[in-house]
């Protein structure tokens, strides 16, 4: 069996050294990421989560050996012993820290669950890279005013205004 290397050095033997805290690095410029950050802080945590903006001075100070450019591309979670989790493993360990979601984390840690977790991470990455991810307030209860005729206001909900194109045929955009 190969020893696991962490940012803190060789594996400290998880049976003897429990995880006492996790730091979640999230992209503060991404509306989906900040929505999930806000959701995480409202959850009952079995293992304390610290949420730090990826690429920030605070992240660089805490984790000088980390590739901070990569943390802006993919969710990264650091354990208190220096373990580094990326992508789907980061989501699973974050869910594991939450009281109501630990059973889900255990299911996602199986081979079949890992495929599902990876699919969720890929879907989130595609969402982040889509046109709607770059619009002001695209996620998280803020306003949305799209070119598609749909608007969202947190106080009023969703509304659709059909376009005013002549004869129902609109010119191409």
N, C-alpha and C. Protein backbone atom coordinates (compact mmCIF):
# COMPACT_ATOMS: atom_id res chain seq x y z
N UNK A 1 0.85 -1.18 0.00
CA UNK A 1 0.00 0.00 0.00
C UNK A 1 0.89 1.24 0.00
N UNK A 2 0.56 2.20 -0.84
CA UNK A 2 1.34 3.42 -0.96
C UNK A 2 0.85 4.44 0.07
N UNK A 3 1.81 5.10 0.71
CA UNK A 3 1.46 6.13 1.68
C UNK A 3 0.91 7.35 0.95
N UNK A 4 -0.07 7.99 1.53
CA UNK A 4 -0.65 9.19 0.96
C UNK A 4 0.19 10.38 1.40
N UNK A 5 0.56 11.21 0.44
CA UNK A 5 1.31 12.41 0.77
C UNK A 5 0.36 13.59 0.83
N UNK A 6 0.53 14.42 1.82
CA UNK A 6 -0.30 15.60 1.98
C UNK A 6 0.60 16.83 1.95
N UNK A 7 0.00 17.99 2.00
CA UNK A 7 0.77 19.22 2.06
C UNK A 7 1.60 19.29 3.34
N UNK A 8 1.18 18.55 4.37
CA UNK A 8 1.88 18.54 5.66
C UNK A 8 2.95 17.46 5.73
N UNK A 9 3.02 16.59 4.73
CA UNK A 9 4.01 15.51 4.74
C UNK A 9 3.34 14.17 4.55
N UNK A 10 4.01 13.09 4.96
CA UNK A 10 3.44 11.75 4.79
C UNK A 10 2.14 11.58 5.57
N UNK A 11 1.36 10.61 5.17
CA UNK A 11 0.08 10.30 5.81
C UNK A 11 0.27 10.16 7.31
N UNK A 12 -0.60 10.83 8.08
CA UNK A 12 -0.51 10.78 9.54
C UNK A 12 -1.36 9.68 10.13
N UNK A 13 -1.91 8.78 9.32
CA UNK A 13 -2.73 7.66 9.78
C UNK A 13 -4.08 8.16 10.27
N UNK A 14 -5.04 8.17 9.36
CA UNK A 14 -6.38 8.71 9.65
C UNK A 14 -7.06 8.04 10.83
N UNK A 15 -6.71 6.78 11.12
CA UNK A 15 -7.31 6.11 12.26
C UNK A 15 -6.89 6.77 13.57
N UNK A 16 -5.69 7.31 13.60
CA UNK A 16 -5.19 7.95 14.82
C UNK A 16 -5.39 9.46 14.84
N UNK A 17 -5.44 10.09 13.66
CA UNK A 17 -5.51 11.54 13.59
C UNK A 17 -6.78 11.95 12.85
N UNK A 18 -7.83 12.26 13.59
CA UNK A 18 -9.10 12.62 12.93
C UNK A 18 -9.02 13.99 12.25
N UNK A 19 -9.89 14.19 11.27
CA UNK A 19 -10.01 15.50 10.63
C UNK A 19 -10.80 16.39 11.58
N UNK A 20 -10.22 17.50 11.95
CA UNK A 20 -10.86 18.40 12.91
C UNK A 20 -11.38 19.68 12.24
N UNK A 21 -11.01 19.88 10.99
CA UNK A 21 -11.48 21.07 10.27
C UNK A 21 -11.11 20.99 8.80
N UNK A 22 -11.89 21.68 7.98
CA UNK A 22 -11.66 21.74 6.54
C UNK A 22 -11.76 23.20 6.08
N UNK A 23 -10.90 23.56 5.16
CA UNK A 23 -10.97 24.88 4.54
C UNK A 23 -11.41 24.68 3.11
N UNK A 24 -12.52 25.31 2.75
CA UNK A 24 -13.07 25.24 1.39
C UNK A 24 -12.67 26.51 0.67
N UNK A 25 -11.92 26.34 -0.44
CA UNK A 25 -11.57 27.48 -1.28
C UNK A 25 -12.61 27.56 -2.39
N UNK A 26 -13.24 28.71 -2.54
CA UNK A 26 -14.30 28.88 -3.52
C UNK A 26 -14.00 30.12 -4.35
N UNK A 27 -14.53 30.18 -5.55
CA UNK A 27 -14.33 31.32 -6.43
C UNK A 27 -15.33 32.41 -6.07
N UNK A 28 -14.87 33.46 -5.44
CA UNK A 28 -15.75 34.54 -4.97
C UNK A 28 -16.36 35.34 -6.12
N UNK A 29 -15.84 35.18 -7.34
CA UNK A 29 -16.40 35.89 -8.51
C UNK A 29 -17.51 35.10 -9.18
N UNK A 30 -17.70 33.86 -8.75
CA UNK A 30 -18.69 32.97 -9.37
C UNK A 30 -19.97 32.99 -8.53
N UNK A 31 -21.09 33.34 -9.16
CA UNK A 31 -22.34 33.44 -8.41
C UNK A 31 -22.80 32.08 -7.89
N UNK A 32 -22.58 31.00 -8.64
CA UNK A 32 -22.93 29.66 -8.16
C UNK A 32 -22.08 29.32 -6.94
N UNK A 33 -20.79 29.62 -7.01
CA UNK A 33 -19.87 29.31 -5.91
C UNK A 33 -20.25 30.07 -4.63
N UNK A 34 -20.60 31.34 -4.77
CA UNK A 34 -20.96 32.12 -3.58
C UNK A 34 -22.32 31.68 -3.03
N UNK A 35 -23.22 31.24 -3.92
CA UNK A 35 -24.49 30.69 -3.47
C UNK A 35 -24.24 29.44 -2.63
N UNK A 36 -23.36 28.55 -3.11
CA UNK A 36 -23.04 27.33 -2.36
C UNK A 36 -22.30 27.64 -1.07
N UNK A 37 -21.42 28.65 -1.09
CA UNK A 37 -20.75 29.08 0.14
C UNK A 37 -21.78 29.49 1.19
N UNK A 38 -22.74 30.31 0.77
CA UNK A 38 -23.78 30.76 1.70
C UNK A 38 -24.61 29.58 2.22
N UNK A 39 -24.89 28.61 1.36
CA UNK A 39 -25.62 27.42 1.76
C UNK A 39 -24.81 26.63 2.78
N UNK A 40 -23.52 26.47 2.54
CA UNK A 40 -22.68 25.70 3.46
C UNK A 40 -22.65 26.30 4.86
N UNK A 41 -22.57 27.61 4.97
CA UNK A 41 -22.50 28.22 6.30
C UNK A 41 -23.79 28.06 7.08
N UNK A 42 -24.90 27.81 6.39
CA UNK A 42 -26.18 27.60 7.09
C UNK A 42 -26.38 26.16 7.53
N UNK A 43 -25.54 25.24 7.12
CA UNK A 43 -25.70 23.82 7.44
C UNK A 43 -25.11 23.49 8.81
N UNK A 44 -25.67 22.47 9.46
CA UNK A 44 -25.11 21.96 10.71
C UNK A 44 -23.84 21.19 10.37
N UNK A 45 -22.71 21.66 10.88
CA UNK A 45 -21.42 21.10 10.53
C UNK A 45 -20.90 20.17 11.63
N UNK A 46 -20.62 18.92 11.28
CA UNK A 46 -19.98 17.99 12.20
C UNK A 46 -18.48 18.26 12.27
N UNK A 47 -17.93 18.70 11.17
CA UNK A 47 -16.53 19.12 11.08
C UNK A 47 -16.58 20.58 10.63
N UNK A 48 -15.95 21.48 11.39
CA UNK A 48 -16.02 22.90 11.03
C UNK A 48 -15.44 23.18 9.65
N UNK A 49 -16.17 24.00 8.90
CA UNK A 49 -15.73 24.44 7.58
C UNK A 49 -15.35 25.91 7.65
N UNK A 50 -14.19 26.22 7.11
CA UNK A 50 -13.80 27.62 6.92
C UNK A 50 -13.88 27.86 5.42
N UNK A 51 -14.52 28.94 5.03
CA UNK A 51 -14.67 29.25 3.62
C UNK A 51 -13.81 30.46 3.30
N UNK A 52 -12.88 30.26 2.37
CA UNK A 52 -11.91 31.30 2.02
C UNK A 52 -11.94 31.47 0.50
N UNK A 53 -11.92 32.71 0.07
CA UNK A 53 -11.92 32.99 -1.37
C UNK A 53 -10.64 32.46 -2.01
N UNK A 54 -10.81 31.64 -3.05
CA UNK A 54 -9.67 31.11 -3.80
C UNK A 54 -8.95 32.27 -4.47
N UNK A 55 -7.64 32.18 -4.53
CA UNK A 55 -6.84 33.21 -5.17
C UNK A 55 -6.67 34.47 -4.34
N UNK A 56 -7.20 34.48 -3.12
CA UNK A 56 -7.10 35.67 -2.27
C UNK A 56 -5.76 35.70 -1.54
N UNK A 57 -5.44 36.85 -0.98
CA UNK A 57 -4.23 36.99 -0.17
C UNK A 57 -4.29 36.04 1.02
N UNK A 58 -5.47 35.88 1.61
CA UNK A 58 -5.64 34.97 2.75
C UNK A 58 -5.34 33.53 2.36
N UNK A 59 -5.82 33.09 1.20
CA UNK A 59 -5.55 31.73 0.72
C UNK A 59 -4.05 31.55 0.48
N UNK A 60 -3.42 32.53 -0.13
CA UNK A 60 -1.97 32.44 -0.40
C UNK A 60 -1.17 32.40 0.90
N UNK A 61 -1.60 33.18 1.89
CA UNK A 61 -0.90 33.19 3.19
C UNK A 61 -1.03 31.85 3.89
N UNK A 62 -2.24 31.28 3.88
CA UNK A 62 -2.48 30.01 4.57
C UNK A 62 -1.85 28.82 3.88
N UNK A 63 -1.85 28.83 2.54
CA UNK A 63 -1.41 27.67 1.77
C UNK A 63 -0.40 28.09 0.71
N UNK A 64 0.81 28.45 1.13
CA UNK A 64 1.80 28.99 0.18
C UNK A 64 2.25 27.98 -0.89
N UNK A 65 2.18 26.70 -0.64
CA UNK A 65 2.63 25.72 -1.61
C UNK A 65 1.57 25.28 -2.60
N UNK A 66 0.38 25.83 -2.51
CA UNK A 66 -0.74 25.42 -3.35
C UNK A 66 -0.72 26.15 -4.69
N UNK A 67 -1.16 25.50 -5.75
CA UNK A 67 -1.32 26.13 -7.05
C UNK A 67 -2.62 26.93 -7.00
N UNK A 68 -2.52 28.21 -6.71
CA UNK A 68 -3.71 29.03 -6.49
C UNK A 68 -4.48 29.31 -7.76
N UNK A 69 -3.83 29.30 -8.91
CA UNK A 69 -4.56 29.45 -10.17
C UNK A 69 -5.49 28.26 -10.37
N UNK A 70 -5.05 27.07 -10.02
CA UNK A 70 -5.88 25.87 -10.15
C UNK A 70 -7.08 25.91 -9.22
N UNK A 71 -6.95 26.55 -8.07
CA UNK A 71 -8.07 26.60 -7.12
C UNK A 71 -9.20 27.46 -7.64
N UNK A 72 -8.91 28.34 -8.60
CA UNK A 72 -9.97 29.15 -9.21
C UNK A 72 -10.71 28.37 -10.30
N UNK A 73 -10.12 27.28 -10.77
CA UNK A 73 -10.72 26.46 -11.82
C UNK A 73 -11.53 25.31 -11.27
N UNK A 74 -11.16 24.81 -10.10
CA UNK A 74 -11.80 23.62 -9.55
C UNK A 74 -11.86 23.74 -8.04
N UNK A 75 -13.01 23.37 -7.46
CA UNK A 75 -13.15 23.45 -6.01
C UNK A 75 -12.01 22.69 -5.35
N UNK A 76 -11.45 23.30 -4.31
CA UNK A 76 -10.33 22.73 -3.58
C UNK A 76 -10.65 22.82 -2.10
N UNK A 77 -10.44 21.72 -1.38
CA UNK A 77 -10.66 21.67 0.06
C UNK A 77 -9.38 21.17 0.70
N UNK A 78 -8.96 21.84 1.78
CA UNK A 78 -7.74 21.46 2.49
C UNK A 78 -8.11 21.03 3.89
N UNK A 79 -7.64 19.84 4.27
CA UNK A 79 -7.87 19.33 5.61
C UNK A 79 -6.88 19.93 6.59
N UNK A 80 -7.19 19.84 7.87
CA UNK A 80 -6.34 20.43 8.89
C UNK A 80 -4.97 19.77 8.98
N UNK A 81 -4.80 18.59 8.41
CA UNK A 81 -3.49 17.93 8.38
C UNK A 81 -2.78 18.18 7.04
N UNK A 82 -3.34 19.05 6.21
CA UNK A 82 -2.73 19.39 4.95
C UNK A 82 -3.21 18.58 3.77
N UNK A 83 -4.20 17.70 3.95
CA UNK A 83 -4.75 16.93 2.84
C UNK A 83 -5.37 17.90 1.83
N UNK A 84 -5.19 17.63 0.55
CA UNK A 84 -5.75 18.47 -0.50
C UNK A 84 -6.71 17.63 -1.32
N UNK A 85 -7.95 18.08 -1.39
CA UNK A 85 -9.00 17.41 -2.16
C UNK A 85 -9.42 18.36 -3.29
N UNK A 86 -9.57 17.83 -4.50
CA UNK A 86 -9.99 18.64 -5.64
C UNK A 86 -11.17 17.98 -6.34
N UNK A 87 -11.96 18.80 -7.02
CA UNK A 87 -13.06 18.27 -7.83
C UNK A 87 -14.07 17.49 -7.02
N UNK A 88 -14.44 16.32 -7.53
CA UNK A 88 -15.49 15.54 -6.88
C UNK A 88 -15.08 15.10 -5.47
N UNK A 89 -13.81 14.79 -5.25
CA UNK A 89 -13.37 14.42 -3.90
C UNK A 89 -13.58 15.58 -2.93
N UNK A 90 -13.40 16.80 -3.40
CA UNK A 90 -13.62 17.98 -2.56
C UNK A 90 -15.09 18.10 -2.18
N UNK A 91 -15.98 17.84 -3.15
CA UNK A 91 -17.42 17.89 -2.85
C UNK A 91 -17.81 16.81 -1.85
N UNK A 92 -17.27 15.63 -2.03
CA UNK A 92 -17.62 14.51 -1.14
C UNK A 92 -17.15 14.81 0.28
N UNK A 93 -15.92 15.27 0.45
CA UNK A 93 -15.42 15.54 1.81
C UNK A 93 -16.18 16.71 2.44
N UNK A 94 -16.61 17.69 1.62
CA UNK A 94 -17.40 18.80 2.16
C UNK A 94 -18.76 18.30 2.64
N UNK A 95 -19.42 17.45 1.86
CA UNK A 95 -20.69 16.87 2.29
C UNK A 95 -20.51 16.02 3.54
N UNK A 96 -19.38 15.30 3.62
CA UNK A 96 -19.08 14.45 4.77
C UNK A 96 -19.02 15.28 6.06
N UNK A 97 -18.62 16.54 5.94
CA UNK A 97 -18.51 17.42 7.11
C UNK A 97 -19.87 17.89 7.63
N UNK A 98 -20.92 17.70 6.83
CA UNK A 98 -22.26 18.21 7.18
C UNK A 98 -23.14 17.13 7.78
N UNK A 99 -23.79 17.43 8.88
CA UNK A 99 -24.61 16.44 9.60
C UNK A 99 -25.68 15.82 8.71
N UNK A 100 -26.40 16.65 7.98
CA UNK A 100 -27.52 16.13 7.17
C UNK A 100 -27.09 15.47 5.88
N UNK A 101 -25.82 15.59 5.52
CA UNK A 101 -25.37 15.09 4.21
C UNK A 101 -24.26 14.06 4.31
N UNK A 102 -23.88 13.67 5.51
CA UNK A 102 -22.83 12.66 5.65
C UNK A 102 -23.23 11.32 5.01
N UNK A 103 -24.48 10.85 5.17
CA UNK A 103 -24.85 9.59 4.49
C UNK A 103 -24.71 9.69 2.97
N UNK A 104 -25.04 10.85 2.41
CA UNK A 104 -24.86 11.05 0.96
C UNK A 104 -23.39 10.98 0.61
N UNK A 105 -22.53 11.58 1.42
CA UNK A 105 -21.09 11.53 1.16
C UNK A 105 -20.59 10.09 1.15
N UNK A 106 -21.10 9.27 2.07
CA UNK A 106 -20.68 7.86 2.11
C UNK A 106 -21.12 7.14 0.83
N UNK A 107 -22.34 7.45 0.35
CA UNK A 107 -22.80 6.83 -0.90
C UNK A 107 -21.97 7.30 -2.09
N UNK A 108 -21.60 8.59 -2.10
CA UNK A 108 -20.80 9.13 -3.20
C UNK A 108 -19.35 8.65 -3.18
N UNK A 109 -18.93 8.08 -2.08
CA UNK A 109 -17.55 7.58 -2.01
C UNK A 109 -17.41 6.17 -2.56
N UNK A 110 -18.51 5.54 -2.96
CA UNK A 110 -18.46 4.22 -3.59
C UNK A 110 -18.10 4.41 -5.07
N UNK A 111 -17.69 3.33 -5.77
CA UNK A 111 -17.38 3.48 -7.20
C UNK A 111 -18.55 4.05 -8.02
N UNK A 112 -19.76 3.56 -7.78
CA UNK A 112 -20.92 4.07 -8.52
C UNK A 112 -21.20 5.52 -8.12
N UNK A 113 -21.10 5.82 -6.85
CA UNK A 113 -21.34 7.17 -6.37
C UNK A 113 -20.30 8.16 -6.88
N UNK A 114 -19.07 7.69 -7.02
CA UNK A 114 -18.00 8.57 -7.52
C UNK A 114 -18.29 9.04 -8.94
N UNK A 115 -18.89 8.17 -9.75
CA UNK A 115 -19.26 8.58 -11.12
C UNK A 115 -20.34 9.66 -11.06
N UNK A 116 -21.30 9.51 -10.17
CA UNK A 116 -22.35 10.51 -10.00
C UNK A 116 -21.76 11.84 -9.51
N UNK A 117 -20.87 11.76 -8.53
CA UNK A 117 -20.24 12.97 -7.99
C UNK A 117 -19.44 13.69 -9.08
N UNK A 118 -18.71 12.92 -9.89
CA UNK A 118 -17.93 13.52 -10.97
C UNK A 118 -18.87 14.19 -11.99
N UNK A 119 -19.99 13.54 -12.28
CA UNK A 119 -20.96 14.13 -13.19
C UNK A 119 -21.50 15.45 -12.67
N UNK A 120 -21.75 15.54 -11.37
CA UNK A 120 -22.23 16.78 -10.77
C UNK A 120 -21.18 17.88 -10.88
N UNK A 121 -19.92 17.53 -10.68
CA UNK A 121 -18.83 18.51 -10.78
C UNK A 121 -18.69 19.00 -12.22
N UNK A 122 -18.79 18.08 -13.17
CA UNK A 122 -18.71 18.47 -14.59
C UNK A 122 -19.88 19.39 -14.95
N UNK A 123 -21.08 19.06 -14.47
CA UNK A 123 -22.25 19.91 -14.75
C UNK A 123 -22.05 21.31 -14.16
N UNK A 124 -21.54 21.39 -12.95
CA UNK A 124 -21.29 22.69 -12.33
C UNK A 124 -20.24 23.47 -13.11
N UNK A 125 -19.21 22.78 -13.58
CA UNK A 125 -18.16 23.44 -14.37
C UNK A 125 -18.73 23.98 -15.67
N UNK A 126 -19.62 23.21 -16.30
CA UNK A 126 -20.24 23.69 -17.54
C UNK A 126 -21.13 24.88 -17.25
N UNK A 127 -21.86 24.84 -16.15
CA UNK A 127 -22.71 25.97 -15.77
C UNK A 127 -21.85 27.21 -15.56
N UNK A 128 -20.74 27.05 -14.84
CA UNK A 128 -19.85 28.19 -14.58
C UNK A 128 -19.29 28.75 -15.86
N UNK A 129 -19.07 27.91 -16.86
CA UNK A 129 -18.48 28.36 -18.11
C UNK A 129 -19.49 28.87 -19.11
N UNK A 130 -20.78 28.71 -18.82
CA UNK A 130 -21.82 29.14 -19.75
C UNK A 130 -22.04 30.64 -19.70
N UNK A 131 -22.78 31.14 -20.68
CA UNK A 131 -23.03 32.58 -20.76
C UNK A 131 -23.74 33.12 -19.53
N UNK A 132 -24.63 32.33 -18.95
CA UNK A 132 -25.42 32.80 -17.80
C UNK A 132 -24.56 32.95 -16.55
N UNK A 133 -23.43 32.26 -16.48
CA UNK A 133 -22.56 32.38 -15.31
C UNK A 133 -21.86 33.72 -15.27
N UNK A 134 -21.82 34.43 -16.39
CA UNK A 134 -21.10 35.69 -16.45
C UNK A 134 -22.02 36.90 -16.33
N UNK A 135 -23.30 36.64 -16.16
CA UNK A 135 -24.25 37.73 -16.02
C UNK A 135 -24.31 38.16 -14.56
N UNK A 136 -24.47 39.41 -14.32
CA UNK A 136 -24.60 39.91 -12.95
C UNK A 136 -25.81 39.27 -12.30
N UNK A 137 -25.63 38.67 -11.15
CA UNK A 137 -26.75 38.12 -10.40
C UNK A 137 -27.38 36.90 -11.02
N UNK A 138 -26.61 36.07 -11.72
CA UNK A 138 -27.20 34.93 -12.41
C UNK A 138 -27.66 33.82 -11.47
N UNK A 139 -27.28 33.84 -10.23
CA UNK A 139 -27.62 32.75 -9.33
C UNK A 139 -27.70 33.27 -7.91
N UNK A 140 -28.42 32.56 -7.06
CA UNK A 140 -28.37 32.85 -5.63
C UNK A 140 -29.37 33.87 -5.16
N UNK A 141 -30.53 33.99 -5.82
CA UNK A 141 -31.58 34.84 -5.31
C UNK A 141 -31.48 36.29 -5.71
N UNK A 142 -30.54 36.65 -6.57
CA UNK A 142 -30.44 38.02 -7.03
C UNK A 142 -31.33 38.18 -8.27
N UNK A 143 -31.36 39.39 -8.82
CA UNK A 143 -32.19 39.60 -10.00
C UNK A 143 -31.55 39.02 -11.24
N UNK A 144 -32.39 38.69 -12.21
CA UNK A 144 -31.95 38.18 -13.50
C UNK A 144 -32.81 38.83 -14.56
N UNK A 145 -32.19 39.37 -15.58
CA UNK A 145 -32.91 39.99 -16.67
C UNK A 145 -32.25 39.54 -17.96
N UNK A 146 -32.83 38.52 -18.58
CA UNK A 146 -32.21 37.94 -19.76
C UNK A 146 -32.78 38.46 -21.06
N UNK A 147 -32.03 38.24 -22.14
CA UNK A 147 -32.48 38.63 -23.47
C UNK A 147 -33.58 37.71 -23.99
N UNK A 148 -33.87 36.66 -23.22
CA UNK A 148 -34.85 35.66 -23.65
C UNK A 148 -36.28 35.99 -23.24
N UNK A 149 -36.47 37.17 -22.63
CA UNK A 149 -37.80 37.56 -22.21
C UNK A 149 -38.13 37.20 -20.77
N UNK A 150 -37.30 36.42 -20.14
CA UNK A 150 -37.54 36.03 -18.75
C UNK A 150 -36.84 36.99 -17.80
N UNK A 151 -37.51 37.30 -16.70
CA UNK A 151 -36.92 38.10 -15.63
C UNK A 151 -37.20 37.42 -14.30
N UNK A 152 -36.31 37.66 -13.35
CA UNK A 152 -36.52 37.12 -12.01
C UNK A 152 -36.24 38.22 -11.01
N UNK A 153 -37.15 38.37 -10.10
CA UNK A 153 -36.99 39.29 -8.99
C UNK A 153 -37.28 38.49 -7.73
N UNK A 154 -36.38 38.50 -6.74
CA UNK A 154 -36.60 37.69 -5.53
C UNK A 154 -37.94 37.96 -4.85
N UNK A 155 -38.42 39.20 -4.92
CA UNK A 155 -39.68 39.53 -4.26
C UNK A 155 -40.90 39.09 -5.08
N UNK A 156 -40.77 39.05 -6.42
CA UNK A 156 -41.91 38.78 -7.28
C UNK A 156 -41.85 37.42 -7.97
N UNK A 157 -40.68 36.82 -8.06
CA UNK A 157 -40.53 35.53 -8.74
C UNK A 157 -40.25 35.70 -10.22
N UNK A 158 -40.49 34.65 -10.98
CA UNK A 158 -40.22 34.63 -12.42
C UNK A 158 -41.38 35.25 -13.19
N UNK A 159 -41.04 35.96 -14.27
CA UNK A 159 -42.05 36.54 -15.16
C UNK A 159 -41.52 36.47 -16.59
N UNK A 160 -42.44 36.31 -17.53
CA UNK A 160 -42.05 36.26 -18.94
C UNK A 160 -42.80 37.32 -19.72
N UNK A 161 -42.08 38.12 -20.47
CA UNK A 161 -42.65 39.12 -21.36
C UNK A 161 -42.33 38.68 -22.78
N UNK A 162 -43.34 38.28 -23.56
CA UNK A 162 -43.06 37.88 -24.95
C UNK A 162 -42.43 39.05 -25.71
N UNK A 163 -41.58 38.73 -26.67
CA UNK A 163 -40.93 39.79 -27.43
C UNK A 163 -41.96 40.52 -28.28
N UNK A 164 -41.63 41.72 -28.63
CA UNK A 164 -42.55 42.56 -29.42
C UNK A 164 -42.20 42.50 -30.90
N UNK A 165 -41.71 41.38 -31.38
CA UNK A 165 -41.32 41.24 -32.78
C UNK A 165 -42.58 41.29 -33.67
N UNK A 166 -42.45 41.95 -34.80
CA UNK A 166 -43.58 42.05 -35.74
C UNK A 166 -43.94 40.68 -36.30
N UNK A 167 -45.20 40.35 -36.28
CA UNK A 167 -45.69 39.12 -36.87
C UNK A 167 -45.17 37.86 -36.22
N UNK A 168 -44.60 37.97 -35.02
CA UNK A 168 -44.07 36.80 -34.33
C UNK A 168 -42.72 36.32 -34.80
N UNK A 169 -42.16 36.95 -35.82
CA UNK A 169 -40.85 36.56 -36.34
C UNK A 169 -39.84 37.62 -35.93
N UNK A 170 -38.85 37.21 -35.18
CA UNK A 170 -37.84 38.14 -34.71
C UNK A 170 -36.59 38.04 -35.59
N UNK A 171 -35.92 39.15 -35.82
CA UNK A 171 -34.67 39.08 -36.58
C UNK A 171 -33.61 38.32 -35.77
N UNK A 172 -32.66 37.67 -36.45
CA UNK A 172 -31.61 36.96 -35.72
C UNK A 172 -30.76 37.93 -34.92
N UNK A 173 -30.24 37.44 -33.82
CA UNK A 173 -29.41 38.28 -32.95
C UNK A 173 -28.00 38.33 -33.44
